[in-house]
Amino acid sequence: RIIDVCHLVPLGDVRRGAAILAQTITYLP
């Protein structure tokens, strides 16, 4: 089962990607 968290992280924005993943992981199985 594939969950697409986000594919619109601003290009190369590691900090934004890190924030999205950290704030989402609690809700992922």
PDB file of all heavy atoms in Angstrom:
ATOM      1  N   ARG A   1       0.867  -1.175   0.000  1.00  0.00           N
ATOM      2  CA  ARG A   1       0.000   0.000   0.000  1.00  0.00           C
ATOM      3  C   ARG A   1       0.904   1.225   0.000  1.00  0.00           C
ATOM      4  O   ARG A   1       1.709   1.395   0.907  1.00  0.00           O
ATOM      5  CB  ARG A   1      -0.921   0.013   1.216  1.00  0.00           C
ATOM      6  CG  ARG A   1      -1.970  -1.098   1.212  1.00  0.00           C
ATOM      7  CD  ARG A   1      -2.815  -1.044   2.461  1.00  0.00           C
ATOM      8  NE  ARG A   1      -2.016  -1.354   3.650  1.00  0.00           N
ATOM      9  CZ  ARG A   1      -2.285  -0.926   4.874  1.00  0.00           C
ATOM     10  NH1 ARG A   1      -3.312  -0.124   5.084  1.00  0.00           N
ATOM     11  NH2 ARG A   1      -1.532  -1.290   5.900  1.00  0.00           N
ATOM     12  N   ILE A   2       0.754   2.067  -1.007  1.00  0.00           N
ATOM     13  CA  ILE A   2       1.625   3.229  -1.155  1.00  0.00           C
ATOM     14  C   ILE A   2       0.880   4.485  -0.720  1.00  0.00           C
ATOM     15  O   ILE A   2      -0.239   4.749  -1.174  1.00  0.00           O
ATOM     16  CB  ILE A   2       2.102   3.373  -2.609  1.00  0.00           C
ATOM     17  CG1 ILE A   2       2.831   2.104  -3.061  1.00  0.00           C
ATOM     18  CG2 ILE A   2       3.019   4.592  -2.747  1.00  0.00           C
ATOM     19  CD1 ILE A   2       3.185   2.095  -4.539  1.00  0.00           C
ATOM     20  N   ILE A   3       1.504   5.251   0.167  1.00  0.00           N
ATOM     21  CA  ILE A   3       0.948   6.518   0.629  1.00  0.00           C
ATOM     22  C   ILE A   3       1.837   7.640   0.096  1.00  0.00           C
ATOM     23  O   ILE A   3       3.032   7.674   0.386  1.00  0.00           O
ATOM     24  CB  ILE A   3       0.891   6.581   2.173  1.00  0.00           C
ATOM     25  CG1 ILE A   3      -0.024   5.483   2.729  1.00  0.00           C
ATOM     26  CG2 ILE A   3       0.414   7.959   2.634  1.00  0.00           C
ATOM     27  CD1 ILE A   3      -0.022   5.393   4.244  1.00  0.00           C
ATOM     28  N   ASP A   4       1.269   8.526  -0.691  1.00  0.00           N
ATOM     29  CA  ASP A   4       2.007   9.676  -1.194  1.00  0.00           C
ATOM     30  C   ASP A   4       1.887  10.806  -0.172  1.00  0.00           C
ATOM     31  O   ASP A   4       0.837  11.443  -0.065  1.00  0.00           O
ATOM     32  CB  ASP A   4       1.463  10.110  -2.548  1.00  0.00           C
ATOM     33  CG  ASP A   4       1.787   9.102  -3.636  1.00  0.00           C
ATOM     34  OD1 ASP A   4       2.984   8.916  -3.928  1.00  0.00           O
ATOM     35  OD2 ASP A   4       0.846   8.481  -4.180  1.00  0.00           O
ATOM     36  N   VAL A   5       2.951  11.044   0.559  1.00  0.00           N
ATOM     37  CA  VAL A   5       2.930  12.090   1.589  1.00  0.00           C
ATOM     38  C   VAL A   5       2.908  13.463   0.930  1.00  0.00           C
ATOM     39  O   VAL A   5       2.042  14.291   1.205  1.00  0.00           O
ATOM     40  CB  VAL A   5       4.155  11.963   2.509  1.00  0.00           C
ATOM     41  CG1 VAL A   5       4.197  13.116   3.509  1.00  0.00           C
ATOM     42  CG2 VAL A   5       4.130  10.624   3.242  1.00  0.00           C
ATOM     43  N   CYS A   6       3.870  13.721   0.050  1.00  0.00           N
ATOM     44  CA  CYS A   6       3.945  14.996  -0.655  1.00  0.00           C
ATOM     45  C   CYS A   6       4.973  14.879  -1.767  1.00  0.00           C
ATOM     46  O   CYS A   6       6.045  14.306  -1.559  1.00  0.00           O
ATOM     47  CB  CYS A   6       4.343  16.121   0.308  1.00  0.00           C
ATOM     48  SG  CYS A   6       4.457  17.758  -0.460  1.00  0.00           S
ATOM     49  N   HIS A   7       4.659  15.447  -2.923  1.00  0.00           N
ATOM     50  CA  HIS A   7       5.626  15.509  -4.018  1.00  0.00           C
ATOM     51  C   HIS A   7       5.823  16.946  -4.493  1.00  0.00           C
ATOM     52  O   HIS A   7       6.404  17.175  -5.553  1.00  0.00           O
ATOM     53  CB  HIS A   7       5.182  14.613  -5.167  1.00  0.00           C
ATOM     54  CG  HIS A   7       5.086  13.171  -4.783  1.00  0.00           C
ATOM     55  ND1 HIS A   7       6.173  12.437  -4.366  1.00  0.00           N
ATOM     56  CD2 HIS A   7       4.009  12.335  -4.694  1.00  0.00           C
ATOM     57  CE1 HIS A   7       5.795  11.210  -4.066  1.00  0.00           C
ATOM     58  NE2 HIS A   7       4.486  11.122  -4.257  1.00  0.00           N
ATOM     59  N   LEU A   8       5.340  17.903  -3.694  1.00  0.00           N
ATOM     60  CA  LEU A   8       5.454  19.306  -4.044  1.00  0.00           C
ATOM     61  C   LEU A   8       6.347  20.053  -3.059  1.00  0.00           C
ATOM     62  O   LEU A   8       6.205  21.268  -2.878  1.00  0.00           O
ATOM     63  CB  LEU A   8       4.064  19.955  -4.102  1.00  0.00           C
ATOM     64  CG  LEU A   8       3.129  19.400  -5.182  1.00  0.00           C
ATOM     65  CD1 LEU A   8       1.747  20.026  -5.054  1.00  0.00           C
ATOM     66  CD2 LEU A   8       3.696  19.642  -6.568  1.00  0.00           C
ATOM     67  N   VAL A   9       7.270  19.337  -2.401  1.00  0.00           N
ATOM     68  CA  VAL A   9       8.276  20.017  -1.598  1.00  0.00           C
ATOM     69  C   VAL A   9       9.033  20.964  -2.529  1.00  0.00           C
ATOM     70  O   VAL A   9       9.425  20.561  -3.631  1.00  0.00           O
ATOM     71  CB  VAL A   9       9.247  18.999  -0.968  1.00  0.00           C
ATOM     72  CG1 VAL A   9      10.359  19.726  -0.213  1.00  0.00           C
ATOM     73  CG2 VAL A   9       8.500  18.052  -0.037  1.00  0.00           C
ATOM     74  N   PRO A  10       9.229  22.223  -2.131  1.00  0.00           N
ATOM     75  CA  PRO A  10      10.009  23.124  -2.995  1.00  0.00           C
ATOM     76  C   PRO A  10      11.346  22.498  -3.367  1.00  0.00           C
ATOM     77  O   PRO A  10      12.003  21.871  -2.535  1.00  0.00           O
ATOM     78  CB  PRO A  10      10.185  24.372  -2.128  1.00  0.00           C
ATOM     79  CG  PRO A  10       8.990  24.358  -1.215  1.00  0.00           C
ATOM     80  CD  PRO A  10       8.738  22.909  -0.916  1.00  0.00           C
ATOM     81  N   LEU A  11      11.727  22.659  -4.606  1.00  0.00           N
ATOM     82  CA  LEU A  11      12.891  21.969  -5.149  1.00  0.00           C
ATOM     83  C   LEU A  11      14.128  22.162  -4.272  1.00  0.00           C
ATOM     84  O   LEU A  11      14.573  23.289  -4.040  1.00  0.00           O
ATOM     85  CB  LEU A  11      13.172  22.479  -6.568  1.00  0.00           C
ATOM     86  CG  LEU A  11      14.220  21.713  -7.369  1.00  0.00           C
ATOM     87  CD1 LEU A  11      13.759  20.279  -7.611  1.00  0.00           C
ATOM     88  CD2 LEU A  11      14.469  22.420  -8.700  1.00  0.00           C
ATOM     89  N   GLY A  12      14.648  21.055  -3.767  1.00  0.00           N
ATOM     90  CA  GLY A  12      15.862  21.087  -2.970  1.00  0.00           C
ATOM     91  C   GLY A  12      15.701  21.609  -1.553  1.00  0.00           C
ATOM     92  O   GLY A  12      16.697  21.778  -0.849  1.00  0.00           O
ATOM     93  N   ASP A  13      14.468  21.844  -1.098  1.00  0.00           N
ATOM     94  CA  ASP A  13      14.243  22.423   0.234  1.00  0.00           C
ATOM     95  C   ASP A  13      14.222  21.314   1.280  1.00  0.00           C
ATOM     96  O   ASP A  13      13.166  20.789   1.648  1.00  0.00           O
ATOM     97  CB  ASP A  13      12.933  23.207   0.246  1.00  0.00           C
ATOM     98  CG  ASP A  13      12.764  24.077   1.491  1.00  0.00           C
ATOM     99  OD1 ASP A  13      13.435  23.791   2.510  1.00  0.00           O
ATOM    100  OD2 ASP A  13      11.959  25.018   1.447  1.00  0.00           O
ATOM    101  N   VAL A  14      15.399  20.962   1.770  1.00  0.00           N
ATOM    102  CA  VAL A  14      15.539  19.856   2.720  1.00  0.00           C
ATOM    103  C   VAL A  14      14.788  20.153   4.006  1.00  0.00           C
ATOM    104  O   VAL A  14      14.125  19.272   4.582  1.00  0.00           O
ATOM    105  CB  VAL A  14      17.035  19.590   3.017  1.00  0.00           C
ATOM    106  CG1 VAL A  14      17.199  18.546   4.113  1.00  0.00           C
ATOM    107  CG2 VAL A  14      17.743  19.139   1.747  1.00  0.00           C
ATOM    108  N   ARG A  15      14.860  21.367   4.474  1.00  0.00           N
ATOM    109  CA  ARG A  15      14.200  21.739   5.723  1.00  0.00           C
ATOM    110  C   ARG A  15      12.682  21.585   5.623  1.00  0.00           C
ATOM    111  O   ARG A  15      12.045  21.060   6.528  1.00  0.00           O
ATOM    112  CB  ARG A  15      14.584  23.170   6.086  1.00  0.00           C
ATOM    113  CG  ARG A  15      14.047  23.665   7.420  1.00  0.00           C
ATOM    114  CD  ARG A  15      14.406  25.137   7.603  1.00  0.00           C
ATOM    115  NE  ARG A  15      13.860  25.668   8.833  1.00  0.00           N
ATOM    116  CZ  ARG A  15      14.483  25.652   9.997  1.00  0.00           C
ATOM    117  NH1 ARG A  15      15.685  25.131  10.087  1.00  0.00           N
ATOM    118  NH2 ARG A  15      13.913  26.165  11.083  1.00  0.00           N
ATOM    119  N   ARG A  16      12.106  22.035   4.531  1.00  0.00           N
ATOM    120  CA  ARG A  16      10.660  21.899   4.342  1.00  0.00           C
ATOM    121  C   ARG A  16      10.267  20.422   4.267  1.00  0.00           C
ATOM    122  O   ARG A  16       9.287  19.998   4.874  1.00  0.00           O
ATOM    123  CB  ARG A  16      10.221  22.639   3.077  1.00  0.00           C
ATOM    124  CG  ARG A  16       8.738  22.508   2.739  1.00  0.00           C
ATOM    125  CD  ARG A  16       7.857  23.167   3.764  1.00  0.00           C
ATOM    126  NE  ARG A  16       6.449  23.061   3.387  1.00  0.00           N
ATOM    127  CZ  ARG A  16       5.451  22.986   4.247  1.00  0.00           C
ATOM    128  NH1 ARG A  16       5.684  23.034   5.545  1.00  0.00           N
ATOM    129  NH2 ARG A  16       4.215  22.891   3.823  1.00  0.00           N
ATOM    130  N   GLY A  17      11.047  19.634   3.526  1.00  0.00           N
ATOM    131  CA  GLY A  17      10.764  18.205   3.452  1.00  0.00           C
ATOM    132  C   GLY A  17      10.858  17.545   4.807  1.00  0.00           C
ATOM    133  O   GLY A  17      10.026  16.699   5.167  1.00  0.00           O
ATOM    134  N   ALA A  18      11.868  17.927   5.589  1.00  0.00           N
ATOM    135  CA  ALA A  18      12.032  17.348   6.933  1.00  0.00           C
ATOM    136  C   ALA A  18      10.855  17.689   7.823  1.00  0.00           C
ATOM    137  O   ALA A  18      10.380  16.850   8.594  1.00  0.00           O
ATOM    138  CB  ALA A  18      13.337  17.853   7.550  1.00  0.00           C
ATOM    139  N   ALA A  19      10.366  18.925   7.731  1.00  0.00           N
ATOM    140  CA  ALA A  19       9.237  19.338   8.560  1.00  0.00           C
ATOM    141  C   ALA A  19       7.972  18.577   8.184  1.00  0.00           C
ATOM    142  O   ALA A  19       7.225  18.100   9.056  1.00  0.00           O
ATOM    143  CB  ALA A  19       9.016  20.843   8.425  1.00  0.00           C
ATOM    144  N   ILE A  20       7.708  18.434   6.881  1.00  0.00           N
ATOM    145  CA  ILE A  20       6.511  17.709   6.443  1.00  0.00           C
ATOM    146  C   ILE A  20       6.561  16.267   6.918  1.00  0.00           C
ATOM    147  O   ILE A  20       5.571  15.734   7.452  1.00  0.00           O
ATOM    148  CB  ILE A  20       6.383  17.770   4.913  1.00  0.00           C
ATOM    149  CG1 ILE A  20       6.098  19.200   4.457  1.00  0.00           C
ATOM    150  CG2 ILE A  20       5.274  16.822   4.426  1.00  0.00           C
ATOM    151  CD1 ILE A  20       6.139  19.380   2.949  1.00  0.00           C
ATOM    152  N   LEU A  21       7.702  15.611   6.742  1.00  0.00           N
ATOM    153  CA  LEU A  21       7.808  14.207   7.133  1.00  0.00           C
ATOM    154  C   LEU A  21       7.648  14.043   8.638  1.00  0.00           C
ATOM    155  O   LEU A  21       6.926  13.151   9.103  1.00  0.00           O
ATOM    156  CB  LEU A  21       9.153  13.640   6.668  1.00  0.00           C
ATOM    157  CG  LEU A  21       9.378  12.143   6.896  1.00  0.00           C
ATOM    158  CD1 LEU A  21       8.319  11.317   6.169  1.00  0.00           C
ATOM    159  CD2 LEU A  21      10.776  11.744   6.436  1.00  0.00           C
ATOM    160  N   ALA A  22       8.296  14.901   9.411  1.00  0.00           N
ATOM    161  CA  ALA A  22       8.231  14.786  10.869  1.00  0.00           C
ATOM    162  C   ALA A  22       6.817  15.039  11.390  1.00  0.00           C
ATOM    163  O   ALA A  22       6.374  14.398  12.340  1.00  0.00           O
ATOM    164  CB  ALA A  22       9.210  15.767  11.511  1.00  0.00           C
ATOM    165  N   GLN A  23       6.095  15.972  10.753  1.00  0.00           N
ATOM    166  CA  GLN A  23       4.757  16.303  11.223  1.00  0.00           C
ATOM    167  C   GLN A  23       3.702  15.332  10.725  1.00  0.00           C
ATOM    168  O   GLN A  23       2.567  15.350  11.186  1.00  0.00           O
ATOM    169  CB  GLN A  23       4.416  17.737  10.806  1.00  0.00           C
ATOM    170  CG  GLN A  23       5.276  18.763  11.530  1.00  0.00           C
ATOM    171  CD  GLN A  23       5.104  20.170  10.998  1.00  0.00           C
ATOM    172  OE1 GLN A  23       4.148  20.476  10.276  1.00  0.00           O
ATOM    173  NE2 GLN A  23       6.023  21.044  11.343  1.00  0.00           N
ATOM    174  N   THR A  24       4.091  14.461   9.792  1.00  0.00           N
ATOM    175  CA  THR A  24       3.167  13.474   9.245  1.00  0.00           C
ATOM    176  C   THR A  24       3.382  12.090   9.838  1.00  0.00           C
ATOM    177  O   THR A  24       2.433  11.297   9.939  1.00  0.00           O
ATOM    178  CB  THR A  24       3.328  13.389   7.711  1.00  0.00           C
ATOM    179  OG1 THR A  24       3.171  14.681   7.144  1.00  0.00           O
ATOM    180  CG2 THR A  24       2.298  12.453   7.097  1.00  0.00           C
ATOM    181  N   ILE A  25       4.602  11.780  10.258  1.00  0.00           N
ATOM    182  CA  ILE A  25       4.960  10.400  10.603  1.00  0.00           C
ATOM    183  C   ILE A  25       4.105   9.841  11.732  1.00  0.00           C
ATOM    184  O   ILE A  25       3.807   8.642  11.757  1.00  0.00           O
ATOM    185  CB  ILE A  25       6.475  10.295  10.941  1.00  0.00           C
ATOM    186  CG1 ILE A  25       6.919   8.833  10.965  1.00  0.00           C
ATOM    187  CG2 ILE A  25       6.797  11.007  12.248  1.00  0.00           C
ATOM    188  CD1 ILE A  25       6.786   8.117   9.657  1.00  0.00           C
ATOM    189  N   THR A  26       3.664  10.682  12.651  1.00  0.00           N
ATOM    190  CA  THR A  26       2.823  10.219  13.762  1.00  0.00           C
ATOM    191  C   THR A  26       1.530   9.590  13.258  1.00  0.00           C
ATOM    192  O   THR A  26       0.961   8.704  13.916  1.00  0.00           O
ATOM    193  CB  THR A  26       2.492  11.392  14.699  1.00  0.00           C
ATOM    194  OG1 THR A  26       3.709  11.969  15.169  1.00  0.00           O
ATOM    195  CG2 THR A  26       1.673  10.931  15.893  1.00  0.00           C
ATOM    196  N   TYR A  27       1.066  10.011  12.096  1.00  0.00           N
ATOM    197  CA  TYR A  27      -0.217   9.543  11.569  1.00  0.00           C
ATOM    198  C   TYR A  27      -0.066   8.429  10.538  1.00  0.00           C
ATOM    199  O   TYR A  27      -1.064   7.938  10.006  1.00  0.00           O
ATOM    200  CB  TYR A  27      -0.973  10.728  10.958  1.00  0.00           C
ATOM    201  CG  TYR A  27      -1.128  11.868  11.927  1.00  0.00           C
ATOM    202  CD1 TYR A  27      -0.263  12.957  11.895  1.00  0.00           C
ATOM    203  CD2 TYR A  27      -2.119  11.839  12.913  1.00  0.00           C
ATOM    204  CE1 TYR A  27      -0.381  13.998  12.804  1.00  0.00           C
ATOM    205  CE2 TYR A  27      -2.250  12.873  13.819  1.00  0.00           C
ATOM    206  CZ  TYR A  27      -1.374  13.950  13.767  1.00  0.00           C
ATOM    207  OH  TYR A  27      -1.485  14.969  14.685  1.00  0.00           O
ATOM    208  N   LEU A  28       1.166   8.028  10.268  1.00  0.00           N
ATOM    209  CA  LEU A  28       1.395   6.965   9.301  1.00  0.00           C
ATOM    210  C   LEU A  28       1.566   5.623  10.006  1.00  0.00           C
ATOM    211  O   LEU A  28       2.151   5.560  11.090  1.00  0.00           O
ATOM    212  CB  LEU A  28       2.646   7.264   8.473  1.00  0.00           C
ATOM    213  CG  LEU A  28       2.608   8.522   7.604  1.00  0.00           C
ATOM    214  CD1 LEU A  28       3.922   8.690   6.863  1.00  0.00           C
ATOM    215  CD2 LEU A  28       1.441   8.492   6.638  1.00  0.00           C
ATOM    216  N   PRO A  29       1.085   4.545   9.407  1.00  0.00           N
ATOM    217  CA  PRO A  29       1.255   3.222  10.013  1.00  0.00           C
ATOM    218  C   PRO A  29       2.708   2.785   9.923  1.00  0.00           C
ATOM    219  O   PRO A  29       3.500   3.350   9.157  1.00  0.00           O
ATOM    220  CB  PRO A  29       0.355   2.325   9.164  1.00  0.00           C
ATOM    221  CG  PRO A  29       0.243   3.017   7.850  1.00  0.00           C
ATOM    222  CD  PRO A  29       0.323   4.488   8.142  1.00  0.00           C
TER     223      PRO A  29
END
